Amino acid sequence: MSDAPIILYNTLEIALLKVFEPCLTCIKSLILGNNMPEYKRLKAIFFWLLLVASDTAAQLLVKKGAVRISSSGWINYLIPLGYSFYIISFIAWMQILKNTRLSIALSAASVLYITVAIGSHIFLGEAITIQITIGTILISAGVFILAWSESKRAKHL
């Protein structure tokens, strides 16, 4: 058995703790901020969780449906179901953007690269190689760096 999944999980733990620490601090202050009433904190947590879950599910369902199309030649229920999850994630994203700066929202949403990689491994049986692990981390880190520089630029304007 390959050690790639174990390496991925260990690497993701490091990535989440080190690379995303500033981003997670921003989200934590947004969600747990003392100025924010309890219902708004719960609403923010709900929409972030909804976004991650629905977008990840949408991508996995559309992929599974596309694989079935290529083998059968017919559209199956997985593709419309996947797109319905995209609609849910779009609604969640609009709610998040109403109360969050775009630079913070984009860097936080980069966690989707990680959830899709893990979901693809668990539900679709896709192999996770060290190259995929490193690529996922680099993409996530790049999105975070761009959002971080954008938030610094926005503070100076």
N, C-alpha and C. Protein backbone atom coordinates (compact mmCIF):
# COMPACT_ATOMS: atom_id res chain seq x y z
N MET A 1 0.84 -1.19 0.00
CA MET A 1 0.00 0.00 0.00
C MET A 1 0.88 1.25 0.00
N SER A 2 0.47 2.23 -0.69
CA SER A 2 1.23 3.46 -0.83
C SER A 2 1.17 4.29 0.45
N ASP A 3 2.27 4.97 0.73
CA ASP A 3 2.31 5.88 1.88
C ASP A 3 1.80 7.26 1.53
N ALA A 4 1.39 7.48 0.26
CA ALA A 4 0.96 8.81 -0.19
C ALA A 4 -0.19 9.37 0.64
N PRO A 5 -1.25 8.60 0.98
CA PRO A 5 -2.32 9.18 1.80
C PRO A 5 -1.83 9.62 3.18
N ILE A 6 -0.95 8.85 3.79
CA ILE A 6 -0.42 9.23 5.10
C ILE A 6 0.42 10.49 4.97
N ILE A 7 1.24 10.55 3.93
CA ILE A 7 2.05 11.74 3.69
C ILE A 7 1.15 12.94 3.44
N LEU A 8 0.06 12.74 2.67
CA LEU A 8 -0.88 13.83 2.40
C LEU A 8 -1.49 14.36 3.68
N TYR A 9 -1.99 13.46 4.52
CA TYR A 9 -2.64 13.92 5.75
C TYR A 9 -1.66 14.64 6.66
N ASN A 10 -0.44 14.15 6.78
CA ASN A 10 0.56 14.82 7.60
C ASN A 10 0.93 16.18 7.01
N THR A 11 1.07 16.23 5.68
CA THR A 11 1.41 17.48 5.02
C THR A 11 0.26 18.48 5.13
N LEU A 12 -0.96 18.00 4.99
CA LEU A 12 -2.11 18.89 5.11
C LEU A 12 -2.21 19.47 6.52
N GLU A 13 -1.89 18.66 7.50
CA GLU A 13 -1.90 19.16 8.88
C GLU A 13 -0.91 20.30 9.03
N ILE A 14 0.29 20.12 8.50
CA ILE A 14 1.30 21.17 8.56
C ILE A 14 0.83 22.39 7.79
N ALA A 15 0.25 22.16 6.59
CA ALA A 15 -0.22 23.28 5.77
C ALA A 15 -1.30 24.07 6.48
N LEU A 16 -2.25 23.36 7.07
CA LEU A 16 -3.32 24.05 7.76
C LEU A 16 -2.81 24.84 8.96
N LEU A 17 -1.84 24.28 9.64
CA LEU A 17 -1.32 24.95 10.83
C LEU A 17 -0.37 26.09 10.50
N LYS A 18 0.44 25.94 9.47
CA LYS A 18 1.46 26.93 9.16
C LYS A 18 1.05 27.90 8.05
N VAL A 19 0.68 27.37 6.90
CA VAL A 19 0.39 28.21 5.75
C VAL A 19 -0.88 29.02 5.96
N PHE A 20 -1.92 28.35 6.52
CA PHE A 20 -3.20 29.01 6.66
C PHE A 20 -3.41 29.68 8.02
N GLU A 21 -2.41 29.64 8.87
CA GLU A 21 -2.59 30.21 10.21
C GLU A 21 -3.04 31.68 10.17
N PRO A 22 -2.40 32.55 9.37
CA PRO A 22 -2.88 33.94 9.31
C PRO A 22 -4.31 34.03 8.79
N CYS A 23 -4.63 33.22 7.78
CA CYS A 23 -5.98 33.22 7.23
C CYS A 23 -6.99 32.74 8.27
N LEU A 24 -6.65 31.66 8.95
CA LEU A 24 -7.55 31.13 9.97
C LEU A 24 -7.72 32.12 11.12
N THR A 25 -6.67 32.87 11.42
CA THR A 25 -6.77 33.91 12.45
C THR A 25 -7.76 34.99 12.02
N CYS A 26 -7.71 35.37 10.74
CA CYS A 26 -8.66 36.37 10.23
C CYS A 26 -10.09 35.85 10.32
N ILE A 27 -10.29 34.60 9.91
CA ILE A 27 -11.64 34.03 9.95
C ILE A 27 -12.11 33.89 11.39
N LYS A 28 -11.20 33.46 12.25
CA LYS A 28 -11.56 33.31 13.67
C LYS A 28 -11.97 34.66 14.25
N SER A 29 -11.24 35.72 13.92
CA SER A 29 -11.62 37.03 14.43
C SER A 29 -12.95 37.49 13.85
N LEU A 30 -13.19 37.13 12.58
CA LEU A 30 -14.48 37.47 11.97
C LEU A 30 -15.62 36.73 12.66
N ILE A 31 -15.43 35.42 12.85
CA ILE A 31 -16.50 34.60 13.41
C ILE A 31 -16.64 34.79 14.91
N LEU A 32 -15.52 34.88 15.60
CA LEU A 32 -15.58 34.95 17.06
C LEU A 32 -15.36 36.35 17.60
N GLY A 33 -15.37 37.33 16.73
CA GLY A 33 -15.13 38.70 17.16
C GLY A 33 -16.10 39.14 18.26
N ASN A 34 -15.57 39.91 19.20
CA ASN A 34 -16.39 40.35 20.33
C ASN A 34 -17.49 41.31 19.90
N ASN A 35 -17.31 42.00 18.79
CA ASN A 35 -18.30 42.97 18.32
C ASN A 35 -19.49 42.29 17.66
N MET A 36 -19.36 41.03 17.30
CA MET A 36 -20.38 40.36 16.53
C MET A 36 -21.38 39.64 17.44
N PRO A 37 -22.67 39.88 17.23
CA PRO A 37 -23.67 39.16 18.02
C PRO A 37 -23.62 37.66 17.74
N GLU A 38 -24.08 36.88 18.71
CA GLU A 38 -24.02 35.42 18.63
C GLU A 38 -24.68 34.88 17.37
N TYR A 39 -25.85 35.38 17.01
CA TYR A 39 -26.55 34.86 15.83
C TYR A 39 -25.76 35.10 14.56
N LYS A 40 -25.02 36.21 14.46
CA LYS A 40 -24.21 36.47 13.27
C LYS A 40 -23.01 35.54 13.20
N ARG A 41 -22.44 35.22 14.36
CA ARG A 41 -21.33 34.27 14.39
C ARG A 41 -21.79 32.90 13.91
N LEU A 42 -22.92 32.45 14.43
CA LEU A 42 -23.45 31.15 14.03
C LEU A 42 -23.81 31.14 12.55
N LYS A 43 -24.35 32.24 12.07
CA LYS A 43 -24.70 32.35 10.65
C LYS A 43 -23.44 32.27 9.79
N ALA A 44 -22.38 32.95 10.20
CA ALA A 44 -21.13 32.92 9.44
C ALA A 44 -20.54 31.52 9.42
N ILE A 45 -20.52 30.86 10.56
CA ILE A 45 -20.01 29.49 10.64
C ILE A 45 -20.84 28.57 9.74
N PHE A 46 -22.16 28.71 9.81
CA PHE A 46 -23.05 27.89 8.99
C PHE A 46 -22.74 28.06 7.51
N PHE A 47 -22.62 29.30 7.03
CA PHE A 47 -22.40 29.52 5.60
C PHE A 47 -21.01 29.05 5.15
N TRP A 48 -19.99 29.18 6.00
CA TRP A 48 -18.67 28.66 5.63
C TRP A 48 -18.71 27.14 5.52
N LEU A 49 -19.32 26.48 6.48
CA LEU A 49 -19.42 25.02 6.43
C LEU A 49 -20.27 24.57 5.24
N LEU A 50 -21.35 25.30 4.98
CA LEU A 50 -22.21 24.98 3.84
C LEU A 50 -21.44 25.13 2.53
N LEU A 51 -20.65 26.18 2.41
CA LEU A 51 -19.86 26.40 1.19
C LEU A 51 -18.89 25.25 0.97
N VAL A 52 -18.13 24.90 1.98
CA VAL A 52 -17.13 23.85 1.82
C VAL A 52 -17.80 22.51 1.50
N ALA A 53 -18.84 22.18 2.23
CA ALA A 53 -19.51 20.89 2.02
C ALA A 53 -20.19 20.83 0.65
N SER A 54 -20.92 21.88 0.28
CA SER A 54 -21.68 21.83 -0.97
C SER A 54 -20.78 21.92 -2.19
N ASP A 55 -19.74 22.74 -2.14
CA ASP A 55 -18.85 22.85 -3.29
C ASP A 55 -18.05 21.56 -3.48
N THR A 56 -17.59 20.99 -2.39
CA THR A 56 -16.86 19.72 -2.48
C THR A 56 -17.77 18.62 -3.02
N ALA A 57 -18.99 18.53 -2.50
CA ALA A 57 -19.95 17.52 -2.97
C ALA A 57 -20.27 17.74 -4.44
N ALA A 58 -20.44 18.99 -4.86
CA ALA A 58 -20.76 19.28 -6.26
C ALA A 58 -19.65 18.79 -7.18
N GLN A 59 -18.42 19.08 -6.83
CA GLN A 59 -17.31 18.67 -7.69
C GLN A 59 -17.19 17.15 -7.76
N LEU A 60 -17.39 16.48 -6.64
CA LEU A 60 -17.29 15.02 -6.63
C LEU A 60 -18.43 14.38 -7.42
N LEU A 61 -19.65 14.91 -7.27
CA LEU A 61 -20.79 14.36 -8.00
C LEU A 61 -20.69 14.56 -9.50
N VAL A 62 -20.27 15.76 -9.91
CA VAL A 62 -20.12 16.02 -11.35
C VAL A 62 -19.03 15.14 -11.94
N LYS A 63 -17.95 14.96 -11.22
CA LYS A 63 -16.88 14.06 -11.70
C LYS A 63 -17.40 12.63 -11.85
N LYS A 64 -18.07 12.14 -10.82
CA LYS A 64 -18.61 10.77 -10.87
C LYS A 64 -19.61 10.64 -12.01
N GLY A 65 -20.46 11.65 -12.20
CA GLY A 65 -21.43 11.63 -13.30
C GLY A 65 -20.75 11.66 -14.65
N ALA A 66 -19.68 12.43 -14.79
CA ALA A 66 -18.96 12.50 -16.06
C ALA A 66 -18.32 11.17 -16.40
N VAL A 67 -17.81 10.48 -15.39
CA VAL A 67 -17.21 9.17 -15.63
C VAL A 67 -18.28 8.19 -16.11
N ARG A 68 -19.46 8.26 -15.51
CA ARG A 68 -20.54 7.37 -15.93
C ARG A 68 -21.03 7.69 -17.34
N ILE A 69 -21.02 8.97 -17.72
CA ILE A 69 -21.42 9.34 -19.08
C ILE A 69 -20.46 8.72 -20.08
N SER A 70 -19.18 8.80 -19.79
CA SER A 70 -18.21 8.29 -20.76
C SER A 70 -18.34 6.78 -20.94
N SER A 71 -18.83 6.08 -19.92
CA SER A 71 -18.98 4.63 -20.07
C SER A 71 -20.34 4.24 -20.63
N SER A 72 -21.39 5.04 -20.35
CA SER A 72 -22.72 4.67 -20.82
C SER A 72 -23.21 5.51 -22.00
N GLY A 73 -22.71 6.73 -22.11
CA GLY A 73 -23.15 7.62 -23.18
C GLY A 73 -24.41 8.40 -22.83
N TRP A 74 -24.96 8.21 -21.64
CA TRP A 74 -26.18 8.89 -21.22
C TRP A 74 -25.92 9.74 -19.99
N ILE A 75 -26.61 10.87 -19.93
CA ILE A 75 -26.53 11.71 -18.72
C ILE A 75 -27.27 10.99 -17.60
N ASN A 76 -26.68 11.01 -16.43
CA ASN A 76 -27.30 10.35 -15.29
C ASN A 76 -27.65 11.37 -14.22
N TYR A 77 -28.28 10.93 -13.19
CA TYR A 77 -28.77 11.82 -12.14
C TYR A 77 -27.65 12.53 -11.37
N LEU A 78 -26.42 12.04 -11.42
CA LEU A 78 -25.34 12.62 -10.64
C LEU A 78 -24.97 14.03 -11.10
N ILE A 79 -25.05 14.27 -12.39
CA ILE A 79 -24.68 15.60 -12.90
C ILE A 79 -25.68 16.67 -12.47
N PRO A 80 -26.99 16.49 -12.67
CA PRO A 80 -27.92 17.50 -12.16
C PRO A 80 -27.85 17.66 -10.63
N LEU A 81 -27.64 16.55 -9.94
CA LEU A 81 -27.50 16.63 -8.49
C LEU A 81 -26.26 17.44 -8.12
N GLY A 82 -25.16 17.21 -8.83
CA GLY A 82 -23.94 17.98 -8.59
C GLY A 82 -24.16 19.46 -8.84
N TYR A 83 -24.85 19.79 -9.93
CA TYR A 83 -25.12 21.20 -10.22
C TYR A 83 -26.07 21.83 -9.20
N SER A 84 -26.95 21.05 -8.61
CA SER A 84 -27.81 21.60 -7.55
C SER A 84 -26.96 21.95 -6.33
N PHE A 85 -25.91 21.17 -6.08
CA PHE A 85 -24.99 21.53 -4.99
C PHE A 85 -24.19 22.78 -5.34
N TYR A 86 -23.87 22.97 -6.62
CA TYR A 86 -23.22 24.22 -7.04
C TYR A 86 -24.12 25.43 -6.76
N ILE A 87 -25.41 25.28 -6.97
CA ILE A 87 -26.34 26.37 -6.68
C ILE A 87 -26.34 26.68 -5.18
N ILE A 88 -26.33 25.64 -4.37
CA ILE A 88 -26.27 25.84 -2.91
C ILE A 88 -24.98 26.54 -2.53
N SER A 89 -23.86 26.11 -3.12
CA SER A 89 -22.59 26.75 -2.77
C SER A 89 -22.55 28.20 -3.26
N PHE A 90 -23.20 28.48 -4.39
CA PHE A 90 -23.28 29.87 -4.88
C PHE A 90 -24.05 30.74 -3.88
N ILE A 91 -25.15 30.24 -3.39
CA ILE A 91 -25.95 30.99 -2.39
C ILE A 91 -25.13 31.22 -1.13
N ALA A 92 -24.43 30.20 -0.67
CA ALA A 92 -23.58 30.34 0.52
C ALA A 92 -22.48 31.37 0.26
N TRP A 93 -21.86 31.33 -0.92
CA TRP A 93 -20.79 32.26 -1.25
C TRP A 93 -21.31 33.70 -1.27
N MET A 94 -22.51 33.92 -1.81
CA MET A 94 -23.08 35.27 -1.82
C MET A 94 -23.32 35.77 -0.38
N GLN A 95 -23.77 34.89 0.49
CA GLN A 95 -23.98 35.26 1.89
C GLN A 95 -22.65 35.59 2.58
N ILE A 96 -21.63 34.82 2.26
CA ILE A 96 -20.30 35.08 2.85
C ILE A 96 -19.76 36.42 2.37
N LEU A 97 -19.91 36.70 1.07
CA LEU A 97 -19.38 37.95 0.53
C LEU A 97 -20.10 39.18 1.07
N LYS A 98 -21.33 39.02 1.51
CA LYS A 98 -22.06 40.16 2.08
C LYS A 98 -21.38 40.68 3.34
N ASN A 99 -20.71 39.80 4.08
CA ASN A 99 -20.17 40.18 5.38
C ASN A 99 -18.65 40.01 5.51
N THR A 100 -17.99 39.62 4.43
CA THR A 100 -16.56 39.35 4.50
C THR A 100 -15.84 40.06 3.37
N ARG A 101 -14.66 40.60 3.66
CA ARG A 101 -13.86 41.19 2.59
C ARG A 101 -13.46 40.09 1.61
N LEU A 102 -13.45 40.42 0.35
CA LEU A 102 -13.16 39.45 -0.70
C LEU A 102 -11.79 38.81 -0.50
N SER A 103 -10.80 39.58 -0.10
CA SER A 103 -9.46 39.03 0.07
C SER A 103 -9.44 37.94 1.14
N ILE A 104 -10.17 38.12 2.19
CA ILE A 104 -10.24 37.11 3.25
C ILE A 104 -11.06 35.92 2.78
N ALA A 105 -12.17 36.18 2.12
CA ALA A 105 -13.04 35.09 1.66
C ALA A 105 -12.31 34.19 0.67
N LEU A 106 -11.57 34.78 -0.28
CA LEU A 106 -10.87 33.96 -1.27
C LEU A 106 -9.78 33.11 -0.63
N SER A 107 -9.04 33.69 0.30
CA SER A 107 -7.99 32.89 0.92
C SER A 107 -8.58 31.77 1.76
N ALA A 108 -9.70 32.02 2.41
CA ALA A 108 -10.34 30.98 3.20
C ALA A 108 -10.95 29.90 2.30
N ALA A 109 -11.47 30.30 1.16
CA ALA A 109 -12.08 29.33 0.24
C ALA A 109 -11.05 28.42 -0.41
N SER A 110 -9.78 28.76 -0.32
CA SER A 110 -8.76 27.89 -0.91
C SER A 110 -8.67 26.55 -0.18
N VAL A 111 -9.32 26.43 0.96
CA VAL A 111 -9.39 25.14 1.65
C VAL A 111 -10.14 24.11 0.80
N LEU A 112 -10.91 24.58 -0.17
CA LEU A 112 -11.63 23.67 -1.07
C LEU A 112 -10.68 22.79 -1.88
N TYR A 113 -9.51 23.30 -2.21
CA TYR A 113 -8.54 22.47 -2.93
C TYR A 113 -8.19 21.24 -2.10
N ILE A 114 -8.09 21.43 -0.82
CA ILE A 114 -7.73 20.33 0.08
C ILE A 114 -8.90 19.37 0.25
N THR A 115 -10.11 19.91 0.48
CA THR A 115 -11.26 19.03 0.70
C THR A 115 -11.58 18.21 -0.56
N VAL A 116 -11.41 18.80 -1.72
CA VAL A 116 -11.67 18.07 -2.96
C VAL A 116 -10.62 16.97 -3.16
N ALA A 117 -9.37 17.26 -2.85
CA ALA A 117 -8.33 16.23 -2.99
C ALA A 117 -8.60 15.06 -2.05
N ILE A 118 -8.96 15.35 -0.83
CA ILE A 118 -9.26 14.28 0.13
C ILE A 118 -10.53 13.55 -0.27
N GLY A 119 -11.57 14.29 -0.66
CA GLY A 119 -12.82 13.67 -1.09
C GLY A 119 -12.64 12.79 -2.32
N SER A 120 -11.81 13.24 -3.25
CA SER A 120 -11.54 12.44 -4.45
C SER A 120 -10.86 11.13 -4.09
N HIS A 121 -10.00 11.19 -3.11
CA HIS A 121 -9.31 9.97 -2.68
C HIS A 121 -10.29 9.02 -1.98
N ILE A 122 -11.10 9.56 -1.09
CA ILE A 122 -12.01 8.73 -0.29
C ILE A 122 -13.17 8.19 -1.13
N PHE A 123 -13.83 9.07 -1.89
CA PHE A 123 -15.06 8.69 -2.57
C PHE A 123 -14.88 8.22 -4.01
N LEU A 124 -13.83 8.65 -4.67
CA LEU A 124 -13.62 8.28 -6.06
C LEU A 124 -12.45 7.32 -6.24
N GLY A 125 -11.73 7.08 -5.16
CA GLY A 125 -10.61 6.16 -5.23
C GLY A 125 -9.43 6.69 -6.01
N GLU A 126 -9.35 8.01 -6.18
CA GLU A 126 -8.23 8.60 -6.91
C GLU A 126 -6.98 8.56 -6.05
N ALA A 127 -5.88 8.25 -6.68
CA ALA A 127 -4.61 8.19 -5.96
C ALA A 127 -4.14 9.60 -5.63
N ILE A 128 -3.57 9.72 -4.48
CA ILE A 128 -2.97 10.99 -4.07
C ILE A 128 -1.47 10.79 -4.05
N THR A 129 -0.82 11.41 -5.00
CA THR A 129 0.63 11.30 -5.08
C THR A 129 1.28 12.46 -4.34
N ILE A 130 2.54 12.37 -4.16
CA ILE A 130 3.26 13.47 -3.51
C ILE A 130 3.20 14.72 -4.38
N GLN A 131 3.16 14.55 -5.71
CA GLN A 131 3.05 15.71 -6.60
C GLN A 131 1.71 16.41 -6.42
N ILE A 132 0.63 15.64 -6.28
CA ILE A 132 -0.69 16.24 -6.05
C ILE A 132 -0.71 16.95 -4.71
N THR A 133 -0.11 16.34 -3.71
CA THR A 133 -0.04 16.96 -2.39
C THR A 133 0.70 18.28 -2.45
N ILE A 134 1.86 18.27 -3.05
CA ILE A 134 2.66 19.50 -3.14
C ILE A 134 1.94 20.54 -3.99
N GLY A 135 1.35 20.12 -5.11
CA GLY A 135 0.61 21.05 -5.97
C GLY A 135 -0.57 21.68 -5.25
N THR A 136 -1.31 20.88 -4.50
CA THR A 136 -2.45 21.40 -3.75
C THR A 136 -2.01 22.43 -2.72
N ILE A 137 -0.93 22.13 -2.04
CA ILE A 137 -0.41 23.07 -1.04
C ILE A 137 0.08 24.35 -1.70
N LEU A 138 0.79 24.22 -2.82
CA LEU A 138 1.29 25.41 -3.51
C LEU A 138 0.16 26.29 -4.04
N ILE A 139 -0.86 25.67 -4.61
CA ILE A 139 -2.00 26.44 -5.11
C ILE A 139 -2.68 27.17 -3.94
N SER A 140 -2.93 26.45 -2.87
CA SER A 140 -3.57 27.06 -1.70
C SER A 140 -2.72 28.18 -1.13
N ALA A 141 -1.43 27.95 -1.03
CA ALA A 141 -0.53 28.98 -0.52
C ALA A 141 -0.50 30.19 -1.45
N GLY A 142 -0.51 29.94 -2.76
CA GLY A 142 -0.51 31.04 -3.72
C GLY A 142 -1.77 31.88 -3.63
N VAL A 143 -2.92 31.24 -3.50
CA VAL A 143 -4.18 31.98 -3.34
C VAL A 143 -4.13 32.80 -2.05
N PHE A 144 -3.62 32.20 -0.99
CA PHE A 144 -3.52 32.92 0.27
C PHE A 144 -2.60 34.13 0.15
N ILE A 145 -1.44 33.96 -0.50
CA ILE A 145 -0.49 35.07 -0.65
C ILE A 145 -1.11 36.20 -1.46
N LEU A 146 -1.81 35.86 -2.55
CA LEU A 146 -2.47 36.90 -3.34
C LEU A 146 -3.53 37.64 -2.52
N ALA A 147 -4.33 36.90 -1.77
CA ALA A 147 -5.36 37.53 -0.95
C ALA A 147 -4.73 38.37 0.15
N TRP A 148 -3.65 37.89 0.72
CA TRP A 148 -2.97 38.62 1.79
C TRP A 148 -2.41 39.94 1.26
N SER A 149 -1.77 39.89 0.07
CA SER A 149 -1.23 41.12 -0.51
C SER A 149 -2.36 42.08 -0.88
N GLU A 150 -3.47 41.54 -1.34
CA GLU A 150 -4.64 42.38 -1.67
C GLU A 150 -5.19 43.05 -0.42
N SER A 151 -5.23 42.34 0.69
CA SER A 151 -5.76 42.94 1.92
C SER A 151 -4.81 44.02 2.43
N LYS A 152 -3.51 43.83 2.26
CA LYS A 152 -2.55 44.86 2.66
C LYS A 152 -2.70 46.10 1.78
N ARG A 153 -2.91 45.86 0.48
CA ARG A 153 -3.08 46.99 -0.47
C ARG A 153 -4.36 47.73 -0.15
N ALA A 154 -5.43 47.02 0.18
CA ALA A 154 -6.70 47.65 0.48
C ALA A 154 -6.62 48.51 1.75
N LYS A 155 -5.79 48.12 2.70
CA LYS A 155 -5.63 48.90 3.93
C LYS A 155 -4.96 50.24 3.66
N HIS A 156 -4.11 50.28 2.63
CA HIS A 156 -3.37 51.50 2.32
C HIS A 156 -4.17 52.47 1.45
N LEU A 157 -5.27 52.02 0.88
CA LEU A 157 -6.09 52.88 0.01
C LEU A 157 -7.05 53.72 0.80
